[in-house]
Amino acid sequence: MIILAIDPGTATTGYGVIEHIGNRFKVKDYGIVSTDAKTAAEVRLQQIYDGLKNLIARHRPDYFVVEQLFFNVNVRTALAVGQARGVCLLVAADGGLPVAEYTPLQVKQAVVGYGRAEKAQVQQMVKAILNLTEIPKPDDAADALALAICHAHSHKSNEIARRVSDDSVS
């Protein structure tokens, strides 16, 4: 299964593409779609849209994963991130991809085993799980890869639960 995971943002939208087969992970791509702060908001959102459409065309993912928005102190930032997240969901819908969403707490729990883990701990585990020689940069890309790992683990757990449920009904 190929997973495209997105850490949405207006200035930088992180992405990570992994292939998950059995218990193995293979990194296919990661990085950011960046926009210039001096550019009009609608143009920046179009650039994010185009960048993600290109990733879908290039990697043909089976799943599209996006981080759930959580509110922080800066409402203006939260609104801008919400717009970028909306573009991400639109891209997934246009591509006919199933969408999964996870909170930062869920991602930390899945990757580190502790929902209050520090960013550095998550990055170290991403490096280890994906067998990388260094921590992925920038942080937005590392966060997207963590989202992809989270989905792979969650998907596998859901498949096991479904099979157990199907067996008990038979």
Protein backbone atom coordinates (compact mmCIF):
# COMPACT_ATOMS: atom_id res chain seq x y z
CA MET A 1 0.00 0.00 0.00
CA ILE A 2 1.27 3.46 -0.89
CA ILE A 3 0.46 6.26 1.54
CA LEU A 4 0.70 9.99 0.81
CA ALA A 5 0.62 11.92 4.07
CA ILE A 6 0.33 15.69 4.38
CA ASP A 7 1.21 18.12 7.15
CA PRO A 8 -0.74 21.17 5.92
CA GLY A 9 0.51 24.73 6.14
CA THR A 10 0.33 27.89 4.07
CA ALA A 11 4.05 28.65 3.92
CA THR A 12 5.17 25.02 3.90
CA THR A 13 3.05 21.95 3.37
CA GLY A 14 5.02 18.87 4.29
CA TYR A 15 4.51 15.60 2.47
CA GLY A 16 5.74 12.07 2.85
CA VAL A 17 5.17 9.10 0.59
CA ILE A 18 5.83 5.62 1.91
CA GLU A 19 5.13 2.11 0.74
CA HIS A 20 4.04 -0.31 3.44
CA ILE A 21 4.16 -4.03 2.68
CA GLY A 22 3.70 -6.46 5.54
CA ASN A 23 5.91 -5.08 8.29
CA ARG A 24 8.26 -3.23 5.94
CA PHE A 25 8.40 0.43 5.10
CA LYS A 26 9.99 1.96 2.04
CA VAL A 27 10.33 5.72 1.69
CA LYS A 28 9.39 6.78 -1.82
CA ASP A 29 9.55 10.58 -1.42
CA TYR A 30 9.30 13.40 1.09
CA GLY A 31 9.68 17.15 1.16
CA ILE A 32 7.62 20.32 1.14
CA VAL A 33 5.44 22.38 -1.12
CA SER A 34 6.46 25.93 -0.26
CA THR A 35 4.85 29.24 -1.06
CA ASP A 36 6.06 32.82 -0.79
CA ALA A 37 4.52 34.93 1.98
CA LYS A 38 4.41 37.92 -0.39
CA THR A 39 2.10 36.07 -2.78
CA ALA A 40 -1.69 36.48 -2.58
CA ALA A 41 -3.45 33.86 -0.44
CA GLU A 42 -5.48 32.43 -3.31
CA VAL A 43 -2.33 31.98 -5.41
CA ARG A 44 -0.56 30.24 -2.53
CA LEU A 45 -3.49 27.84 -2.12
CA GLN A 46 -3.41 27.15 -5.87
CA GLN A 47 0.31 26.36 -5.61
CA ILE A 48 -0.36 23.89 -2.80
CA TYR A 49 -3.15 22.31 -4.84
CA ASP A 50 -0.94 21.97 -7.93
CA GLY A 51 1.99 20.57 -5.93
CA LEU A 52 -0.18 17.92 -4.30
CA LYS A 53 -1.88 17.02 -7.59
CA ASN A 54 1.58 16.41 -9.07
CA LEU A 55 2.50 14.15 -6.13
CA ILE A 56 -0.66 12.10 -6.62
CA ALA A 57 0.03 11.76 -10.35
CA ARG A 58 3.65 10.76 -9.71
CA HIS A 59 3.14 8.27 -6.86
CA ARG A 60 -0.43 7.03 -7.34
CA PRO A 61 -1.11 6.54 -3.61
CA ASP A 62 -3.74 4.19 -2.21
CA TYR A 63 -4.42 6.44 0.78
CA PHE A 64 -4.28 10.14 1.48
CA VAL A 65 -3.56 11.08 5.09
CA VAL A 66 -3.80 14.57 6.54
CA GLU A 67 -3.18 15.95 10.00
CA GLN A 68 -6.28 17.08 11.85
CA LEU A 69 -6.31 20.74 12.71
CA PHE A 70 -5.94 21.69 16.33
CA PHE A 71 -6.35 25.20 17.62
CA ASN A 72 -3.44 26.98 19.16
CA VAL A 73 -3.07 30.48 20.56
CA ASN A 74 -2.82 32.22 17.18
CA VAL A 75 -6.28 32.12 15.57
CA ARG A 76 -4.99 33.79 12.40
CA THR A 77 -2.47 30.99 11.89
CA ALA A 78 -5.14 28.38 12.61
CA LEU A 79 -7.40 29.88 9.94
CA ALA A 80 -4.62 29.90 7.34
CA VAL A 81 -3.70 26.30 8.14
CA GLY A 82 -7.40 25.43 7.90
CA GLN A 83 -7.48 26.84 4.38
CA ALA A 84 -4.44 24.79 3.39
CA ARG A 85 -6.01 21.72 4.96
CA GLY A 86 -9.18 22.32 2.94
CA VAL A 87 -7.11 22.40 -0.24
CA CYS A 88 -5.54 19.08 0.80
CA LEU A 89 -8.95 17.48 1.26
CA LEU A 90 -10.09 18.85 -2.11
CA VAL A 91 -7.02 17.36 -3.83
CA ALA A 92 -7.77 13.97 -2.26
CA ALA A 93 -11.42 14.14 -3.34
CA ASP A 94 -10.42 15.12 -6.88
CA GLY A 95 -8.08 12.12 -6.97
CA GLY A 96 -10.76 9.77 -5.65
CA LEU A 97 -8.55 8.84 -2.72
CA PRO A 98 -9.77 7.62 0.65
CA VAL A 99 -8.80 10.12 3.36
CA ALA A 100 -7.63 9.34 6.88
CA GLU A 101 -7.10 12.02 9.51
CA TYR A 102 -5.08 11.84 12.71
CA THR A 103 -4.41 14.23 15.55
CA PRO A 104 -0.85 15.02 16.62
CA LEU A 105 -1.54 13.02 19.80
CA GLN A 106 -2.51 9.93 17.76
CA VAL A 107 0.59 10.27 15.59
CA LYS A 108 2.91 10.51 18.60
CA GLN A 109 1.21 7.51 20.20
CA ALA A 110 1.58 5.43 17.03
CA VAL A 111 5.18 6.39 16.29
CA VAL A 112 6.72 6.75 19.76
CA GLY A 113 4.22 4.93 21.97
CA TYR A 114 3.62 8.05 24.06
CA GLY A 115 1.09 10.73 23.11
CA ARG A 116 3.02 13.55 24.77
CA ALA A 117 6.35 12.77 23.09
CA GLU A 118 8.61 15.64 22.10
CA LYS A 119 9.15 16.50 18.44
CA ALA A 120 12.77 15.26 18.62
CA GLN A 121 11.60 11.85 19.89
CA VAL A 122 9.13 11.55 17.01
CA GLN A 123 11.81 12.50 14.49
CA GLN A 124 14.25 9.93 15.89
CA MET A 125 11.61 7.21 15.67
CA VAL A 126 10.70 8.20 12.10
CA LYS A 127 14.38 7.86 11.21
CA ALA A 128 14.59 4.44 12.91
CA ILE A 129 11.29 3.01 11.62
CA LEU A 130 12.00 4.08 8.04
CA ASN A 131 15.66 3.01 8.27
CA LEU A 132 16.94 6.43 7.22
CA THR A 133 20.53 7.59 7.71
CA GLU A 134 19.40 10.96 9.08
CA ILE A 135 16.31 12.71 10.38
CA PRO A 136 14.21 13.93 7.45
CA LYS A 137 14.32 17.68 6.90
CA PRO A 138 12.53 20.01 7.06
CA ASP A 139 10.37 19.31 10.12
CA ASP A 140 7.15 19.48 8.07
CA ALA A 141 8.35 16.57 5.92
CA ALA A 142 9.33 14.55 9.01
CA ASP A 143 5.86 15.24 10.47
CA ALA A 144 4.23 14.02 7.24
CA LEU A 145 6.29 10.81 7.33
CA ALA A 146 5.18 10.28 10.94
CA LEU A 147 1.56 10.66 9.78
CA ALA A 148 2.16 8.02 7.10
CA ILE A 149 3.62 5.61 9.68
CA CYS A 150 0.64 6.27 11.95
CA HIS A 151 -1.76 5.39 9.13
CA ALA A 152 0.14 2.22 8.24
CA HIS A 153 -0.09 1.02 11.84
CA SER A 154 -3.73 2.07 12.17
CA HIS A 155 -4.71 0.48 8.87
CA LYS A 156 -3.05 -2.78 9.84
CA SER A 157 -4.83 -2.80 13.23
CA ASN A 158 -8.16 -2.09 11.56
CA GLU A 159 -7.62 -4.94 9.06
CA ILE A 160 -6.85 -7.37 11.90
CA ALA A 161 -9.91 -6.23 13.84
CA ARG A 162 -12.08 -6.60 10.73
CA ARG A 163 -10.83 -10.16 10.12
CA VAL A 164 -11.48 -11.13 13.75
CA SER A 165 -14.95 -9.63 13.53
CA ASP A 166 -15.66 -11.44 10.24
CA ASP A 167 -14.46 -14.74 11.73
CA SER A 168 -16.70 -14.37 14.79
CA VAL A 169 -19.74 -13.71 12.58
CA SER A 170 -19.11 -16.77 10.37
